[in-house]
């Protein structure tokens, strides 16, 4: 049976208001991982939503050339499958906690650019994207463009892994991520509802008991993330 060894995430820091031109902006840091995130608002929606009486929230994700040990080439004309999968995950997660009808016929575009990658870039992006989104919504309300917040509840995400010794640890850095037997990314609301669970056995298959331990570890660790988000937005 797996034992939860670490349910405390790495040091979390949200530095808000770093971009004066975006409706919401933040640098999200989990340990050494750093992601620059902005929320931009457009008074229009994609063609498939035109005259439907609702808005849209979407996301883009990229890793800057020197964010990893070796230089990443910029994805100019075509993005990789990994990039597409991650930005769709971020967008899905955000749309799950927002009332698109209350948003009105406008779009909020979230841009996540990884400055330093040391594990958990997608989960750091989701947690920081919620902060940028909340800032943008607050600005729209202050400007009288929204009567009430369309955000239903806070959202955060973390990675959790199972080591070769059967220990469950939260918020994996790169070294831990590359050596874990099981790696999961969990996006959850503050009330404890799951938005996405991405789990893969990198080595040995994991058991139901291990899955339960992973989810318990994530729920405990995410309390720290929600607290840091609330502090950043207060």
Protein backbone atom coordinates (compact mmCIF):
# COMPACT_ATOMS: atom_id res chain seq x y z
CA UNK A 1 0.00 0.00 0.00
CA UNK A 2 1.31 3.44 -0.91
CA UNK A 3 2.08 5.91 1.86
CA UNK A 4 1.71 9.66 1.47
CA UNK A 5 5.19 10.98 2.14
CA UNK A 6 4.80 14.61 1.04
CA UNK A 7 1.52 16.46 0.77
CA UNK A 8 3.13 19.91 0.93
CA UNK A 9 3.74 21.60 -2.44
CA UNK A 10 6.92 23.45 -3.27
CA UNK A 11 7.13 27.13 -2.37
CA UNK A 12 4.30 28.95 -4.17
CA UNK A 13 4.44 32.56 -5.28
CA UNK A 14 2.01 34.60 -7.38
CA UNK A 15 3.32 38.02 -8.44
CA UNK A 16 0.33 39.92 -9.84
CA UNK A 17 0.03 43.00 -12.04
CA UNK A 18 3.29 42.45 -13.90
CA UNK A 19 1.86 43.50 -17.28
CA UNK A 20 0.21 46.95 -17.42
CA UNK A 21 -1.51 46.25 -20.76
CA UNK A 22 -3.34 43.01 -19.84
CA UNK A 23 -6.63 42.88 -17.92
CA UNK A 24 -5.00 40.33 -15.63
CA UNK A 25 -1.38 39.25 -15.31
CA UNK A 26 0.75 37.14 -12.99
CA UNK A 27 4.01 35.26 -12.73
CA UNK A 28 3.20 31.93 -11.10
CA UNK A 29 6.06 30.15 -9.35
CA UNK A 30 6.02 26.62 -7.94
CA UNK A 31 9.53 25.93 -6.72
CA UNK A 32 11.87 26.77 -9.60
CA UNK A 33 9.12 26.58 -12.22
CA UNK A 34 8.02 30.02 -13.42
CA UNK A 35 5.22 30.85 -15.85
CA UNK A 36 4.27 34.31 -17.14
CA UNK A 37 0.48 34.49 -17.62
CA UNK A 38 -1.76 37.20 -19.04
CA UNK A 39 -5.51 37.51 -19.56
CA UNK A 40 -6.66 39.66 -22.50
CA UNK A 41 -10.26 40.59 -23.27
CA UNK A 42 -11.84 40.93 -26.71
CA UNK A 43 -15.37 42.25 -27.22
CA UNK A 44 -16.16 39.46 -29.65
CA UNK A 45 -16.51 35.68 -29.75
CA UNK A 46 -15.44 32.95 -32.20
CA UNK A 47 -17.68 32.54 -35.24
CA UNK A 48 -19.32 29.37 -33.89
CA UNK A 49 -20.62 31.35 -30.87
CA UNK A 50 -21.83 34.44 -32.71
CA UNK A 51 -25.31 35.54 -31.54
CA UNK A 52 -25.47 32.67 -29.02
CA UNK A 53 -25.52 35.03 -26.02
CA UNK A 54 -22.42 33.64 -24.36
CA UNK A 55 -18.72 34.26 -24.13
CA UNK A 56 -15.60 32.16 -24.52
CA UNK A 57 -12.42 31.47 -22.58
CA UNK A 58 -9.43 29.91 -24.30
CA UNK A 59 -5.71 29.51 -23.68
CA UNK A 60 -2.36 29.30 -25.42
CA UNK A 61 0.80 27.77 -23.94
CA UNK A 62 4.43 27.93 -24.93
CA UNK A 63 7.86 27.25 -23.54
CA UNK A 64 10.42 29.97 -24.10
CA UNK A 65 13.69 28.94 -25.78
CA UNK A 66 15.80 28.90 -22.60
CA UNK A 67 13.15 27.53 -20.23
CA UNK A 68 14.79 24.08 -20.20
CA UNK A 69 18.36 22.75 -20.07
CA UNK A 70 18.61 22.76 -23.85
CA UNK A 71 17.21 25.55 -26.04
CA UNK A 72 13.67 24.98 -27.30
CA UNK A 73 12.96 26.08 -30.85
CA UNK A 74 10.09 28.56 -31.04
CA UNK A 75 6.89 27.01 -32.39
CA UNK A 76 6.14 29.54 -35.13
CA UNK A 77 4.11 28.00 -37.93
CA UNK A 78 3.00 24.77 -36.24
CA UNK A 79 2.67 23.85 -32.57
CA UNK A 80 3.57 20.41 -31.27
CA UNK A 81 1.04 17.83 -30.12
CA UNK A 82 2.19 18.35 -26.52
CA UNK A 83 1.60 22.10 -26.74
CA UNK A 84 -1.86 21.61 -28.24
CA UNK A 85 -2.80 19.12 -25.53
CA UNK A 86 -1.66 21.42 -22.71
CA UNK A 87 -3.34 24.57 -23.98
CA UNK A 88 -6.59 22.67 -24.50
CA UNK A 89 -6.32 21.37 -20.94
CA UNK A 90 -5.87 24.92 -19.59
CA UNK A 91 -8.83 26.21 -21.60
CA UNK A 92 -11.12 23.31 -20.59
CA UNK A 93 -10.21 23.75 -16.94
CA UNK A 94 -11.05 27.46 -16.95
CA UNK A 95 -14.32 27.03 -18.84
CA UNK A 96 -15.43 24.46 -16.26
CA UNK A 97 -15.56 27.13 -13.52
CA UNK A 98 -17.06 30.04 -15.44
CA UNK A 99 -20.64 30.81 -16.48
CA UNK A 100 -20.15 31.69 -20.14
CA UNK A 101 -23.60 33.30 -20.43
CA UNK A 102 -22.80 35.72 -17.60
CA UNK A 103 -19.57 36.59 -19.39
CA UNK A 104 -21.59 37.97 -22.30
CA UNK A 105 -20.48 37.95 -25.91
CA UNK A 106 -16.80 38.56 -25.22
CA UNK A 107 -13.69 36.39 -25.13
CA UNK A 108 -10.95 36.08 -22.53
CA UNK A 109 -7.65 34.85 -23.96
CA UNK A 110 -5.17 33.37 -21.50
CA UNK A 111 -1.51 33.23 -22.57
CA UNK A 112 0.89 31.05 -20.59
CA UNK A 113 4.59 31.38 -21.37
CA UNK A 114 6.96 29.14 -19.43
CA UNK A 115 10.03 31.10 -18.28
CA UNK A 116 11.65 28.27 -16.31
CA UNK A 117 10.60 24.62 -16.50
CA UNK A 118 11.36 22.44 -13.48
CA UNK A 119 8.34 20.14 -13.53
CA UNK A 120 4.63 20.91 -13.34
CA UNK A 121 4.48 23.57 -16.05
CA UNK A 122 0.91 22.67 -17.06
CA UNK A 123 -0.38 22.63 -13.48
CA UNK A 124 1.45 25.85 -12.63
CA UNK A 125 -0.12 27.39 -15.75
CA UNK A 126 -3.63 26.34 -14.69
CA UNK A 127 -3.21 27.64 -11.13
CA UNK A 128 -1.79 30.93 -12.37
CA UNK A 129 -4.34 31.21 -15.17
CA UNK A 130 -7.14 31.22 -12.59
CA UNK A 131 -5.48 34.21 -10.87
CA UNK A 132 -5.15 36.11 -14.17
CA UNK A 133 -8.75 35.24 -15.10
CA UNK A 134 -10.07 36.44 -11.72
CA UNK A 135 -8.15 39.70 -12.12
CA UNK A 136 -9.60 40.24 -15.60
CA UNK A 137 -13.15 39.59 -14.38
CA UNK A 138 -12.67 42.03 -11.51
CA UNK A 139 -11.45 44.70 -13.95
CA UNK A 140 -14.49 44.13 -16.21
CA UNK A 141 -16.79 44.56 -13.21
CA UNK A 142 -15.01 47.76 -12.16
CA UNK A 143 -15.46 49.09 -15.69
CA UNK A 144 -19.19 48.31 -15.57
CA UNK A 145 -18.97 45.75 -18.38
CA UNK A 146 -20.08 42.92 -16.07
CA UNK A 147 -22.83 43.17 -13.43
CA UNK A 148 -21.71 40.07 -11.54
CA UNK A 149 -18.79 37.68 -11.60
CA UNK A 150 -19.22 34.72 -13.95
CA UNK A 151 -16.66 32.70 -11.95
CA UNK A 152 -18.40 29.93 -10.02
CA UNK A 153 -15.47 28.97 -7.77
CA UNK A 154 -11.67 28.88 -7.64
CA UNK A 155 -9.61 26.37 -9.62
CA UNK A 156 -6.11 25.00 -9.04
CA UNK A 157 -3.94 22.12 -10.23
CA UNK A 158 -0.96 20.07 -9.06
CA UNK A 159 1.04 17.04 -10.09
CA UNK A 160 1.31 14.02 -7.78
CA UNK A 161 3.55 11.00 -8.23
CA UNK A 162 4.34 7.56 -6.82
CA UNK A 163 8.04 6.79 -6.33
CA UNK A 164 9.66 3.41 -6.95
CA UNK A 165 9.48 2.87 -3.18
CA UNK A 166 5.69 3.33 -3.24
CA UNK A 167 5.75 6.79 -1.64
CA UNK A 168 3.21 9.39 -2.79
CA UNK A 169 4.60 12.91 -3.22
CA UNK A 170 2.96 16.16 -4.32
CA UNK A 171 4.12 18.83 -6.77
CA UNK A 172 6.92 17.02 -8.59
CA UNK A 173 10.01 18.81 -9.80
CA UNK A 174 11.70 17.68 -13.02
CA UNK A 175 13.97 15.10 -11.38
CA UNK A 176 11.09 13.57 -9.41
CA UNK A 177 8.80 13.62 -12.43
CA UNK A 178 11.34 11.79 -14.60
CA UNK A 179 11.89 8.98 -12.06
CA UNK A 180 8.39 8.39 -10.65
CA UNK A 181 6.58 5.12 -11.35
CA UNK A 182 3.25 6.96 -11.67
CA UNK A 183 2.65 10.59 -12.62
CA UNK A 184 -0.71 12.38 -12.33
CA UNK A 185 -1.90 15.90 -13.05
CA UNK A 186 -5.02 16.86 -11.12
CA UNK A 187 -7.17 19.96 -11.68
CA UNK A 188 -9.73 20.55 -8.96
CA UNK A 189 -12.18 23.18 -7.71
CA UNK A 190 -11.98 24.62 -4.22
CA UNK A 191 -15.10 22.67 -3.21
CA UNK A 192 -13.27 19.44 -4.06
CA UNK A 193 -14.77 18.63 -7.46
CA UNK A 194 -12.45 17.24 -10.13
CA UNK A 195 -12.12 18.90 -13.51
CA UNK A 196 -9.38 16.71 -14.95
CA UNK A 197 -7.31 13.74 -13.80
CA UNK A 198 -4.44 12.80 -16.11
CA UNK A 199 -2.73 9.67 -14.84
CA UNK A 200 -0.06 7.47 -16.39
CA UNK A 201 1.92 4.49 -15.17
CA UNK A 202 5.47 5.28 -16.27
CA UNK A 203 6.69 1.98 -14.85
CA UNK A 204 4.63 -0.49 -12.84
CA UNK A 205 0.82 -0.23 -13.15
CA UNK A 206 -0.80 1.52 -10.18
CA UNK A 207 -3.48 0.06 -7.94
CA UNK A 208 -6.82 1.44 -6.78
CA UNK A 209 -5.29 2.01 -3.33
CA UNK A 210 -2.48 4.02 -4.92
CA UNK A 211 -5.00 6.05 -6.92
CA UNK A 212 -6.94 6.84 -3.73
CA UNK A 213 -3.70 7.90 -2.00
CA UNK A 214 -2.79 10.13 -4.94
CA UNK A 215 -6.19 11.86 -4.86
CA UNK A 216 -6.00 12.30 -1.07
CA UNK A 217 -2.50 13.77 -1.39
CA UNK A 218 -3.64 16.16 -4.13
CA UNK A 219 -6.64 17.36 -2.12
CA UNK A 220 -4.42 18.16 0.85
CA UNK A 221 -1.69 19.85 -1.20
CA UNK A 222 -4.15 21.94 -3.21
CA UNK A 223 -5.37 23.61 -0.01
CA UNK A 224 -2.02 25.46 -0.01
CA UNK A 225 -2.50 26.53 -3.64
CA UNK A 226 -6.02 27.88 -3.02
CA UNK A 227 -4.72 29.79 0.00
CA UNK A 228 -1.89 31.35 -2.06
CA UNK A 229 -4.33 32.30 -4.84
CA UNK A 230 -6.69 33.94 -2.36
CA UNK A 231 -3.83 35.89 -0.80
CA UNK A 232 -2.64 37.08 -4.23
CA UNK A 233 -6.13 38.26 -5.19
CA UNK A 234 -7.00 39.92 -1.88
